[in-house]
Structure formats: C-alpha cells, structure tokens
Amino acid sequence: MPGPTLEMERVEPQSLKKLTSKSLKRALDLFSPQLAPPDPQSKKIRMSHKISVEYGGIVPTASQKPPRPADSGAPNREPSDALALPDSRNVKTEATQNALVVGPSAPKAPNNIGISGKGTLVVSAPGSYERNPSTSAIMERISSRWPRPEWHAPWKIYRVISGHLGWVRSIAFDPSNKWFCTGSADRTIKIWDVGTGALQLTLTGHIEQIRGLAVSSRHTYMFSAGDDKQVKCWDLEQNKVIRSYHGHLSGVYCLALHPTLDILLTGGRDSVCRVWDIRSKMQAHALSGHDNTVCSVFTRPTDPQVVTGSHDSTIKFWDLRYGKTMSTITHHKKSVRAIAQHPKEHAFASASADNIKKFSLPRGEFLHNMLSQQKTIINAMAINEEGVMATGGDNGSLWFWDWKSGHNFQQSQTIVQPGSLDSEAGIYALSYDVTGTRLVSCEADKTIKMWKQDENATPETHPINFKPPKDIRRF
C-alpha cells in the first residue's frame, strides 16, 4: 500500500521584476550604511574651518574696522598682519570700500605705491609663497611672454604647371633664379622657366622615380638621386651625365650639397648617409647610426656640418671630419620626414606626424613646438628669409607658419587637377625661390603649383588671430 501523499504548498507565481526588486531591497537593507543624524556642533566647526581657510588672508581696511582708542603712540600696539596701504584719507571713499589687504604676517612697513582702479590691492610680502585662491581672480594679469607673431600676407596659387606623367617628388632652384628643375616618378627631370613656367628641357637617365635634386652654386652641375640606387652628376653645359656615384644598397631618398666643400651627401633606405667626393666619385664616409631610412638631410659650413632625419624618429648631428655622431635628438615620436634650416638664424625645424619642432644650432637645444598640429604626414618643409615657413602634407594641406612665434596664420588645401582622384591631393616637395617671394609645390596629381603672396592683403583685411599658449609642451 502506498503511503499517504503530502500536499505541497502552492507557490504564488512572481514576475521577474518583482523578484529583482525584492532582491535589491534585501541587498540595500544588508549593505547600506546607517548614517547617524548630523551633529550641529561638528557642522559648525567644519564651516568655521572652511571660512578661515577661504577668507583668512583678507582683513578689513581702515574704514571697515571698529573704532579703536586714540592711544596711537602706545608701545604695546599689535603688529599688523598685512603690508601697509596708502593713507586711507587720500583715497576716494568708493575705492576704499572695495579695498582688500592680502598677505601673511609681516612687519609693518611704509608703502607709498597704490594701484589705481576700482579697488586697492596689497599683494603679499616677498617671503610668502602661498597664493590665496579667493583673490587670484582680481589680481593684475601678467601679460604673456610668448612673442607675438609678425603679420604676413596670405599666399595664393597663381600658376599650375602640368607636364610630368607621374608624381612629382623633388625640386631644386638654380642659384641664378632663372629656372628650376623637378624630378618625377615618370623617371624624368624637367627644367622649367621661373618667370613663364615654360618647359625648357627634359633629361632622362634614371630607371626609377627621382627622389632628390640639387643644383651646385660652385659648378655647372646638377645632382639627382632616385629609387634605382643611383646618384648622378649632370653637366648642364652638355646636358648629360658625367659621373655616377655607386654604393647605396637601396633607394636614395634625399640629397644635399655642402655649401663650401666639393662634397655631396645622400641618404636612403639602407639607413646610411653617404658622403661623396664630387670630383673623384669616392665615398669619403658612410655615416651609419640610424635604425631606419634616412629621409632628410641638410648641410652647413660649420659644425655640425651634417644633420639627418630618419624614419626611426631621431635627428642626428654628424662630425664630418671623423664621420661620427656628435649628438642625437629624440624629441619626435614619429618619422622625421622633413627638416629645414633657417636661411639667416642658427636654427632649424623638423616635421613629423606628431608635431613640428624648432631647435637651435649648433647645440640642438629644443626651443618650442609649433602652436598647431597639422595632423597628417608632413613630407616637405621650406623657410624663407622673412620667417614664413611652409609645410606640405600627405592629405594636400599646405600650412603657413610664422617662424618666430610658431603661429599658424594660413591653412590652404590644394585642389587636384581635373581627371585626378581626390586621394592624389598630396604634397611631396616644397621650395622657395632664391628671393623667397615665390613658393613651388610638387604634388601627387602630377602638377607643379606656384604660390605668391596676395598683394592686396593688409593687416586690416587679414588680421592676426593669435592666442598665446597657456602651457608649452616640452616634448
């Protein structure tokens, strides 16, 4: 016989929302703190401490103090807690009512200097290092020591030259300022007239794109370097190659001529900057030390005679006599694709995707960052004697900067020629002419654009919109 069955107690069905709220109530009852009611005595102590911290440095002026006995000559007089104001009888009533006296304990001293205005303010003694936050808003504002930028007229395009069949990668001006040459991915070097923009000559000889060009001011020579590992010397009287410099193990990305010596410098993907004797075609030095492509170089007549920038995000100064590194600058975080020396000052600028920085020469001390970020890969940079620096980016942006202050006074965007993709709006090379009044940009849409300053612009039509920086980034 089966035993008697026990009847189960029926469970009332509950919704998920109700179960959740019950669980939450149980948790609050278990873990919520049981706060005692506020104690009026402790609240009073806390408020009095706050008041003394906030307003402890401010004491009432003579007109706000209660009247004191007339025994001014008494020896047991208490010393004042602030520096003296000018005699309140000589100050207007309205100004006296708004007067503040700020400062820690200091011996009373005569002071005949007053600050004119709505209120009179006495600042703390030199021994004090504390600044009362309640009075910082009414203290006299110190003007910024950051240099104010000079006014420069905006730049505009006045000529577009199309003739190359590939990206235009390099440019160099003739020292006589009559012509300039451009190197392209179509493996040709073209020579153009500066005044008219007309094509004068086309030189062929490279089998890859031409990355670097330089025209000698001491000889009738032009030098070119390309991705085909070749460095060539062209005689411009015969318009043909007379020397080739062999030694690079990969593409050559940059090229520079020494201003006083018959020396040529080339840097490339093999991470080495090579020093060549122009006449003998011999390699004088191989400046090795970079960990990645050497993509920018310039030279100067005094030490450091060679400065290189690399994709390893460093800048190196080289001793040309011994072929050794003098110093390394590691301020950048990204590849240093462009460096440019100021034509007059002993300083240079370096451009990277993170920032554009200014350094002094010969020691390489960091001066400051430019005050804006172009936020693109910067391929080219040029500076003229008037202190206008131009930087060209991969996205076709051409920004103009005031050299002294680092202020960006113009942001231009290049326009691709008809038939090109919008993604071909990239600037690969920039150069001013000898006078510094014309700028030439070499671009990815196979064009060469010439820029000049707007003659009709004035400081009234194009005012400087400059705000000095609050904090200067040191790196």
Protein backbone atom coordinates (compact mmCIF):
# COMPACT_ATOMS: atom_id res chain seq x y z
CA MET A 1 0.00 0.00 0.00
CA PRO A 2 1.45 3.33 -0.90
CA GLY A 3 1.86 5.79 1.93
CA PRO A 4 -0.19 8.96 2.28
CA THR A 5 0.90 11.69 -0.14
CA LEU A 6 1.96 15.03 1.31
CA GLU A 7 0.35 18.02 -0.29
CA MET A 8 2.92 20.57 -1.47
CA GLU A 9 2.36 24.17 -0.51
CA ARG A 10 1.41 26.14 -3.59
CA VAL A 11 3.93 28.80 -4.64
CA GLU A 12 2.49 32.02 -5.88
CA PRO A 13 3.97 32.90 -9.29
CA GLN A 14 6.00 36.13 -9.26
CA SER A 15 7.28 38.26 -12.09
CA LEU A 16 10.95 38.78 -12.77
CA LYS A 17 10.60 42.48 -11.99
CA LYS A 18 9.13 41.76 -8.57
CA LEU A 19 11.84 39.23 -7.73
CA THR A 20 14.53 41.70 -8.78
CA SER A 21 13.10 44.49 -6.66
CA LYS A 22 12.86 42.19 -3.64
CA SER A 23 16.49 41.13 -4.09
CA LEU A 24 17.58 44.75 -4.44
CA LYS A 25 15.68 45.74 -1.30
CA ARG A 26 17.29 42.91 0.63
CA ALA A 27 20.76 43.94 -0.55
CA LEU A 28 20.14 47.58 0.40
CA ASP A 29 18.92 46.58 3.85
CA LEU A 30 22.01 44.45 4.33
CA PHE A 31 24.75 46.70 2.96
CA SER A 32 23.52 50.30 3.08
CA PRO A 33 25.25 52.37 5.78
CA GLN A 34 23.11 53.50 8.66
CA LEU A 35 24.11 57.17 8.88
CA ALA A 36 23.65 58.98 12.12
CA PRO A 37 21.85 62.34 12.08
CA PRO A 38 24.24 65.28 11.51
CA ASP A 39 25.73 66.79 14.62
CA PRO A 40 25.18 70.59 14.71
CA GLN A 41 28.36 71.16 16.73
CA SER A 42 30.60 69.33 14.20
CA LYS A 43 28.89 71.14 11.31
CA LYS A 44 29.64 74.47 12.99
CA ILE A 45 33.32 73.55 13.47
CA ARG A 46 33.59 72.40 9.85
CA MET A 47 32.03 75.62 8.49
CA SER A 48 34.25 77.86 10.63
CA HIS A 49 37.34 75.99 9.37
CA LYS A 50 36.23 76.45 5.75
CA ILE A 51 35.65 80.17 6.29
CA SER A 52 39.06 80.65 7.91
CA VAL A 53 40.81 78.82 5.03
CA GLU A 54 38.93 80.73 2.33
CA TYR A 55 38.96 84.24 3.81
CA GLY A 56 41.75 84.09 6.38
CA GLY A 57 44.09 86.21 4.27
CA ILE A 58 41.62 89.11 3.96
CA VAL A 59 41.38 91.61 6.75
CA PRO A 60 39.10 94.67 6.85
CA THR A 61 40.52 98.04 5.84
CA ALA A 62 40.64 101.13 7.99
CA SER A 63 37.10 102.24 7.12
CA GLN A 64 35.64 98.81 7.93
CA LYS A 65 37.42 98.29 11.27
CA PRO A 66 35.65 99.22 14.54
CA PRO A 67 36.91 102.44 16.14
CA ARG A 68 39.98 102.00 18.31
CA PRO A 69 41.21 104.09 21.25
CA ALA A 70 43.28 107.11 20.24
CA ASP A 71 46.47 105.91 22.01
CA SER A 72 48.41 105.60 18.72
CA GLY A 73 51.74 106.04 20.43
CA ALA A 74 51.27 103.16 22.86
CA PRO A 75 54.26 100.79 22.90
CA ASN A 76 52.15 97.61 23.22
CA ARG A 77 50.45 98.10 19.85
CA GLU A 78 49.84 94.86 17.91
CA PRO A 79 51.75 94.46 14.66
CA SER A 80 49.66 94.47 11.51
CA ASP A 81 49.03 91.27 9.53
CA ALA A 82 49.47 92.93 6.15
CA LEU A 83 51.56 95.38 4.23
CA ALA A 84 50.51 99.00 4.60
CA LEU A 85 48.12 100.70 2.23
CA PRO A 86 48.40 104.33 1.25
CA ASP A 87 46.77 106.56 3.78
CA SER A 88 43.03 105.95 3.62
CA ARG A 89 42.36 109.68 3.90
CA ASN A 90 43.95 110.20 0.46
CA VAL A 91 41.89 107.50 -1.22
CA LYS A 92 38.39 108.07 -2.52
CA THR A 93 35.56 106.69 -0.43
CA GLU A 94 34.30 104.41 -3.19
CA ALA A 95 37.74 102.90 -3.76
CA THR A 96 38.30 102.43 -0.04
CA GLN A 97 35.13 100.44 0.39
CA ASN A 98 36.30 97.95 -2.21
CA ALA A 99 39.87 97.76 -0.91
CA LEU A 100 41.43 94.45 0.02
CA VAL A 101 44.52 93.74 2.04
CA VAL A 102 46.09 90.37 1.32
CA GLY A 103 49.09 88.85 2.97
CA PRO A 104 50.54 86.74 5.77
CA SER A 105 52.22 88.00 8.84
CA ALA A 106 54.87 90.58 8.04
CA PRO A 107 56.28 93.60 9.89
CA LYS A 108 54.53 96.83 9.02
CA ALA A 109 56.46 98.96 6.55
CA PRO A 110 55.69 102.25 4.84
CA ASN A 111 54.41 101.88 1.27
CA ASN A 112 53.59 104.85 -0.93
CA ILE A 113 52.62 102.86 -4.03
CA GLY A 114 48.91 102.45 -4.79
CA ILE A 115 47.17 100.68 -7.66
CA SER A 116 44.58 102.91 -9.30
CA GLY A 117 41.26 101.37 -10.24
CA LYS A 118 38.01 100.30 -8.65
CA GLY A 119 39.75 98.71 -5.69
CA THR A 120 43.12 98.94 -4.00
CA LEU A 121 45.03 95.70 -3.62
CA VAL A 122 48.07 94.98 -1.50
CA VAL A 123 49.86 91.82 -2.50
CA SER A 124 51.59 89.53 -0.04
CA ALA A 125 55.16 90.05 1.06
CA PRO A 126 58.07 88.57 -0.94
CA GLY A 127 58.62 85.90 1.71
CA SER A 128 55.21 84.38 1.02
CA TYR A 129 54.86 81.52 -1.43
CA GLU A 130 51.14 80.97 -0.93
CA ARG A 131 48.56 82.47 -3.22
CA ASN A 132 45.08 82.93 -1.81
CA PRO A 133 42.63 81.38 -4.30
CA SER A 134 39.88 83.82 -3.38
CA THR A 135 41.89 86.81 -4.64
CA SER A 136 43.55 85.26 -7.70
CA ALA A 137 40.67 86.39 -9.89
CA ILE A 138 41.18 90.07 -9.12
CA MET A 139 44.97 90.16 -9.21
CA GLU A 140 46.57 92.03 -12.06
CA ARG A 141 47.02 89.71 -15.08
CA ILE A 142 50.61 89.31 -16.23
CA SER A 143 50.97 89.64 -19.98
CA SER A 144 52.24 86.59 -21.87
CA ARG A 145 55.95 86.49 -22.60
CA TRP A 146 55.31 84.45 -25.75
CA PRO A 147 56.44 86.50 -28.80
CA ARG A 148 53.62 88.00 -30.82
CA PRO A 149 53.67 86.84 -34.45
CA GLU A 150 54.61 89.19 -37.24
CA TRP A 151 51.97 89.88 -39.85
CA HIS A 152 52.43 88.05 -43.15
CA ALA A 153 50.27 88.36 -46.24
CA PRO A 154 48.37 85.19 -47.17
CA TRP A 155 49.64 83.08 -50.04
CA LYS A 156 47.68 82.10 -53.14
CA ILE A 157 48.20 79.95 -56.25
CA TYR A 158 49.00 81.91 -59.39
CA ARG A 159 50.20 79.17 -61.75
CA VAL A 160 49.68 75.44 -62.25
CA ILE A 161 52.19 73.59 -64.45
CA SER A 162 51.34 70.14 -65.77
CA GLY A 163 53.87 68.22 -67.82
CA HIS A 164 55.03 65.24 -65.79
CA LEU A 165 53.42 61.85 -66.23
CA GLY A 166 53.91 60.72 -62.63
CA TRP A 167 54.07 62.01 -59.08
CA VAL A 168 56.41 65.00 -58.78
CA ARG A 169 58.79 64.05 -55.97
CA SER A 170 61.65 66.60 -55.85
CA ILE A 171 62.59 70.17 -56.74
CA ALA A 172 65.67 72.40 -56.80
CA PHE A 173 66.19 76.03 -57.81
CA ASP A 174 69.06 77.39 -59.87
CA PRO A 175 71.21 79.87 -57.88
CA SER A 176 70.63 82.48 -60.64
CA ASN A 177 66.84 82.13 -60.02
CA LYS A 178 66.12 81.81 -63.75
CA TRP A 179 65.00 78.18 -63.80
CA PHE A 180 64.14 75.30 -61.53
CA CYS A 181 64.18 71.54 -62.02
CA THR A 182 61.74 68.87 -60.86
CA GLY A 183 62.14 65.10 -60.57
CA SER A 184 59.21 62.77 -61.01
CA ALA A 185 58.01 59.20 -60.79
CA ASP A 186 57.93 59.18 -64.60
CA ARG A 187 61.79 58.83 -64.34
CA THR A 188 62.48 62.22 -65.96
CA ILE A 189 63.97 65.50 -64.78
CA LYS A 190 62.32 68.58 -66.28
CA ILE A 191 63.73 72.09 -66.26
CA TRP A 192 61.22 74.97 -66.17
CA ASP A 193 61.49 78.73 -66.58
CA VAL A 194 60.73 80.54 -63.32
CA GLY A 195 59.13 83.61 -64.92
CA THR A 196 56.88 81.95 -67.50
CA GLY A 197 56.60 78.38 -66.27
CA ALA A 198 57.55 77.09 -69.72
CA LEU A 199 59.32 73.76 -70.15
CA GLN A 200 62.93 74.21 -71.27
CA LEU A 201 64.46 70.75 -71.12
CA THR A 202 63.73 67.12 -70.25
CA LEU A 203 66.53 64.84 -69.02
CA THR A 204 66.26 61.05 -68.96
CA GLY A 205 68.61 58.52 -67.44
CA HIS A 206 67.11 57.19 -64.22
CA ILE A 207 65.13 53.97 -64.28
CA GLU A 208 63.07 54.68 -61.14
CA GLN A 209 61.41 57.73 -59.59
CA ILE A 210 63.71 60.65 -58.73
CA ARG A 211 63.63 61.49 -55.02
CA GLY A 212 66.35 64.11 -54.64
CA LEU A 213 67.71 67.04 -56.67
CA ALA A 214 70.36 69.69 -56.01
CA VAL A 215 71.97 72.39 -58.19
CA SER A 216 75.52 73.44 -57.39
CA SER A 217 76.32 77.12 -56.85
CA ARG A 218 80.03 76.47 -57.39
CA HIS A 219 79.92 74.45 -60.61
CA THR A 220 77.64 73.96 -63.62
CA TYR A 221 76.48 70.68 -62.14
CA MET A 222 73.14 69.26 -61.10
CA PHE A 223 72.82 66.16 -58.93
CA SER A 224 69.96 63.67 -58.83
CA ALA A 225 69.14 60.59 -56.76
CA GLY A 226 66.38 58.04 -57.09
CA ASP A 227 64.86 54.74 -56.07
CA ASP A 228 67.14 52.98 -58.56
CA LYS A 229 70.04 53.31 -56.01
CA GLN A 230 71.81 55.67 -58.42
CA VAL A 231 73.24 59.12 -57.73
CA LYS A 232 74.09 61.03 -60.89
CA CYS A 233 76.01 64.21 -61.68
CA TRP A 234 74.71 66.12 -64.72
CA ASP A 235 76.80 68.66 -66.65
CA LEU A 236 74.37 71.42 -67.56
CA GLU A 237 76.60 72.67 -70.37
CA GLN A 238 76.38 69.32 -72.16
CA ASN A 239 73.04 68.20 -70.65
CA LYS A 240 74.31 64.71 -69.95
CA VAL A 241 75.50 62.52 -67.08
CA ILE A 242 79.25 62.83 -66.46
CA ARG A 243 79.56 60.92 -63.14
CA SER A 244 77.67 58.29 -61.18
CA TYR A 245 78.17 57.51 -57.51
CA HIS A 246 77.71 53.82 -56.65
CA GLY A 247 77.41 52.50 -53.12
CA HIS A 248 73.84 52.69 -51.85
CA LEU A 249 72.24 49.33 -51.22
CA SER A 250 68.68 50.55 -51.74
CA GLY A 251 66.71 53.57 -52.90
CA VAL A 252 68.16 57.06 -52.29
CA TYR A 253 65.62 59.38 -50.65
CA CYS A 254 67.43 62.67 -50.04
CA LEU A 255 70.37 64.63 -51.33
CA ALA A 256 72.26 67.76 -50.26
CA LEU A 257 75.34 69.72 -51.37
CA HIS A 258 77.86 71.14 -48.93
CA PRO A 259 77.91 74.96 -49.23
CA THR A 260 81.70 75.38 -49.13
CA LEU A 261 83.25 71.99 -49.92
CA ASP A 262 83.03 69.81 -53.03
CA ILE A 263 81.08 67.21 -51.10
CA LEU A 264 77.75 65.53 -51.81
CA LEU A 265 75.56 63.86 -49.16
CA THR A 266 72.91 61.27 -49.88
CA GLY A 267 70.63 59.32 -47.55
CA GLY A 268 68.49 56.33 -48.33
CA ARG A 269 66.64 53.20 -47.33
CA ASP A 270 69.85 51.46 -46.29
CA SER A 271 69.81 53.68 -43.14
CA VAL A 272 73.14 55.28 -44.09
CA CYS A 273 74.03 58.83 -45.06
CA ARG A 274 76.92 58.61 -47.53
CA VAL A 275 79.46 61.39 -48.10
CA TRP A 276 80.87 61.59 -51.63
CA ASP A 277 83.78 63.48 -53.11
CA ILE A 278 82.21 65.13 -56.16
CA ARG A 279 85.30 65.03 -58.38
CA SER A 280 86.78 61.62 -57.60
CA LYS A 281 83.42 59.81 -57.12
CA MET A 282 84.92 58.22 -53.99
CA GLN A 283 82.89 57.67 -50.83
CA ALA A 284 84.54 59.69 -48.07
CA HIS A 285 82.34 58.47 -45.21
CA ALA A 286 79.37 56.24 -44.55
CA LEU A 287 77.53 57.91 -41.67
CA SER A 288 75.87 54.89 -40.09
CA GLY A 289 73.88 55.00 -36.88
CA HIS A 290 70.24 55.35 -37.85
CA ASP A 291 67.98 52.32 -37.44
CA ASN A 292 65.73 53.12 -40.38
CA THR A 293 65.53 55.05 -43.65
CA VAL A 294 67.38 58.37 -43.80
CA CYS A 295 64.79 60.57 -45.48
CA SER A 296 66.02 64.14 -44.89
CA VAL A 297 69.40 65.85 -44.73
CA PHE A 298 70.89 69.34 -44.80
CA THR A 299 74.42 70.67 -44.51
CA ARG A 300 76.03 73.81 -43.14
CA PRO A 301 79.55 75.27 -43.30
CA THR A 302 80.27 74.90 -39.56
CA ASP A 303 79.82 72.07 -37.08
CA PRO A 304 77.55 70.22 -37.05
CA GLN A 305 78.10 70.19 -40.79
CA VAL A 306 75.59 67.38 -41.45
CA VAL A 307 72.14 66.98 -39.91
CA THR A 308 69.97 63.98 -40.82
CA GLY A 309 66.40 62.97 -40.03
CA SER A 310 65.19 59.41 -40.18
CA HIS A 311 62.16 57.14 -40.06
CA ASP A 312 63.48 55.92 -36.69
CA SER A 313 62.13 59.26 -35.32
CA THR A 314 65.58 60.64 -34.43
CA ILE A 315 67.71 63.51 -35.71
CA LYS A 316 71.47 63.11 -35.69
CA PHE A 317 74.30 65.67 -35.83
CA TRP A 318 77.44 64.39 -37.54
CA ASP A 319 81.09 65.30 -37.27
CA LEU A 320 82.17 65.39 -40.90
CA ARG A 321 85.87 65.16 -40.03
CA TYR A 322 85.67 61.80 -38.29
CA GLY A 323 82.38 60.51 -39.68
CA LYS A 324 80.96 60.06 -36.16
CA THR A 325 77.74 61.06 -34.44
CA MET A 326 78.02 64.27 -32.40
CA SER A 327 74.58 64.09 -30.79
CA THR A 328 71.15 62.56 -31.26
CA ILE A 329 67.81 64.34 -30.81
CA THR A 330 64.98 62.05 -29.71
CA HIS A 331 62.11 64.51 -29.21
CA HIS A 332 59.95 63.18 -32.03
CA LYS A 333 57.70 60.13 -31.72
CA LYS A 334 57.18 59.56 -35.47
CA SER A 335 59.31 59.54 -38.61
CA VAL A 336 61.16 62.80 -39.27
CA ARG A 337 60.42 63.14 -42.98
CA ALA A 338 61.37 66.80 -43.40
CA ILE A 339 63.93 69.13 -41.85
CA ALA A 340 64.74 72.67 -42.97
CA GLN A 341 67.36 75.17 -41.88
CA HIS A 342 66.51 78.85 -41.40
CA PRO A 343 68.39 80.91 -44.03
CA LYS A 344 69.53 83.56 -41.50
CA GLU A 345 69.20 82.26 -37.95
CA HIS A 346 71.20 79.47 -36.36
CA ALA A 347 68.17 77.22 -36.01
CA PHE A 348 66.25 74.58 -37.88
CA ALA A 349 62.82 72.97 -37.82
CA SER A 350 61.88 69.33 -38.11
CA ALA A 351 58.50 67.97 -39.14
CA SER A 352 56.87 64.75 -38.07
CA ALA A 353 53.33 63.43 -37.94
CA ASP A 354 53.19 64.23 -34.21
CA ASN A 355 54.50 67.80 -34.25
CA ILE A 356 56.70 70.41 -35.86
CA LYS A 357 59.59 71.32 -33.59
CA LYS A 358 62.21 74.07 -33.59
CA PHE A 359 65.80 73.51 -32.46
CA SER A 360 68.79 75.77 -32.07
CA LEU A 361 72.15 75.28 -33.72
CA PRO A 362 74.88 74.23 -33.15
CA ARG A 363 73.90 72.52 -29.87
CA GLY A 364 70.49 71.25 -30.94
CA GLU A 365 68.60 72.62 -27.94
CA PHE A 366 64.82 72.28 -28.16
CA LEU A 367 63.17 75.69 -28.48
CA HIS A 368 59.45 75.06 -28.84
CA ASN A 369 56.73 73.28 -30.78
CA MET A 370 54.67 75.00 -33.42
CA LEU A 371 51.39 76.05 -31.84
CA SER A 372 49.15 73.87 -34.03
CA GLN A 373 49.22 70.31 -35.29
CA GLN A 374 48.74 69.59 -38.97
CA LYS A 375 47.63 66.03 -38.11
CA THR A 376 48.98 64.42 -41.26
CA ILE A 377 52.26 63.01 -42.54
CA ILE A 378 54.40 66.02 -43.44
CA ASN A 379 56.60 65.33 -46.44
CA ALA A 380 58.11 68.73 -47.17
CA MET A 381 59.11 71.95 -45.47
CA ALA A 382 60.61 75.26 -46.59
CA ILE A 383 61.56 78.52 -44.82
CA ASN A 384 62.29 81.93 -46.38
CA GLU A 385 64.21 84.89 -45.01
CA GLU A 386 61.06 86.75 -43.96
CA GLY A 387 60.29 84.00 -41.45
CA VAL A 388 57.46 82.28 -43.34
CA MET A 389 57.62 78.52 -43.00
CA ALA A 390 55.54 76.31 -45.28
CA THR A 391 54.76 72.64 -44.63
CA GLY A 392 53.07 70.27 -47.06
CA GLY A 393 51.22 67.12 -46.04
CA ASP A 394 50.09 63.83 -47.49
CA ASN A 395 46.47 64.98 -47.50
CA GLY A 396 47.18 68.03 -49.68
CA SER A 397 47.23 70.53 -46.82
CA LEU A 398 49.70 73.41 -47.15
CA TRP A 399 50.10 75.36 -43.91
CA PHE A 400 51.99 78.62 -43.47
CA TRP A 401 53.63 79.47 -40.14
CA ASP A 402 55.27 82.46 -38.51
CA TRP A 403 58.77 81.30 -37.66
CA LYS A 404 59.32 83.45 -34.57
CA SER A 405 56.17 82.58 -32.63
CA GLY A 406 55.13 79.27 -34.21
CA HIS A 407 51.71 80.68 -35.09
CA ASN A 408 49.87 79.08 -38.00
CA PHE A 409 48.47 82.03 -39.95
CA GLN A 410 47.14 80.24 -43.04
CA GLN A 411 45.79 76.79 -43.85
CA SER A 412 45.42 76.01 -47.54
CA GLN A 413 44.15 72.89 -49.23
CA THR A 414 45.44 72.02 -52.68
CA ILE A 415 42.95 71.14 -55.41
CA VAL A 416 43.70 68.21 -57.70
CA GLN A 417 43.75 68.83 -61.43
CA PRO A 418 40.76 67.57 -63.43
CA GLY A 419 40.96 63.85 -64.09
CA SER A 420 42.82 63.03 -60.88
CA LEU A 421 41.48 61.27 -57.81
CA ASP A 422 40.81 63.27 -54.65
CA SER A 423 43.24 60.94 -52.87
CA GLU A 424 46.01 62.31 -55.12
CA ALA A 425 45.97 65.63 -53.24
CA GLY A 426 49.40 65.14 -51.69
CA ILE A 427 52.41 67.44 -51.50
CA TYR A 428 55.81 65.77 -51.83
CA ALA A 429 58.26 68.67 -52.18
CA LEU A 430 58.37 72.40 -51.42
CA SER A 431 60.92 75.06 -52.24
CA TYR A 432 61.13 78.85 -52.20
CA ASP A 433 62.94 80.59 -54.99
CA VAL A 434 66.15 82.50 -54.24
CA THR A 435 64.26 85.70 -53.34
CA GLY A 436 61.79 83.90 -51.08
CA THR A 437 58.78 85.57 -52.75
CA ARG A 438 57.61 82.53 -54.73
CA LEU A 439 56.86 79.07 -53.45
CA VAL A 440 56.71 75.97 -55.64
CA SER A 441 54.93 72.79 -54.55
CA CYS A 442 55.32 69.37 -56.22
CA GLU A 443 52.25 67.22 -55.91
CA ALA A 444 50.81 63.76 -56.36
CA ASP A 445 48.36 64.85 -59.06
CA LYS A 446 51.40 65.24 -61.41
CA THR A 447 51.28 69.05 -61.26
CA ILE A 448 53.62 71.78 -60.08
CA LYS A 449 51.87 74.69 -58.38
CA MET A 450 53.42 78.13 -57.89
CA TRP A 451 52.35 80.35 -55.00
CA LYS A 452 52.87 84.00 -54.20
CA GLN A 453 51.71 86.45 -51.54
CA ASP A 454 48.48 88.37 -52.01
CA GLU A 455 49.48 91.96 -52.88
CA ASN A 456 46.09 93.40 -51.87
CA ALA A 457 46.10 91.94 -48.37
CA THR A 458 46.63 94.26 -45.40
CA PRO A 459 46.66 93.71 -41.62
CA GLU A 460 43.12 95.16 -41.59
CA THR A 461 41.73 92.75 -44.20
CA HIS A 462 43.57 89.73 -42.77
CA PRO A 463 44.13 90.37 -39.05
CA ILE A 464 46.20 88.06 -36.88
CA ASN A 465 44.04 85.72 -34.83
CA PHE A 466 46.57 84.81 -32.18
CA LYS A 467 46.12 83.45 -28.67
CA PRO A 468 49.33 82.84 -26.73
CA PRO A 469 49.59 79.29 -25.41
CA LYS A 470 48.76 78.64 -21.77
CA ASP A 471 51.16 75.77 -21.37
CA ILE A 472 54.12 74.92 -23.57
CA ARG A 473 54.60 71.26 -24.44
CA ARG A 474 58.27 70.49 -23.99
CA PHE A 475 58.19 67.24 -25.93
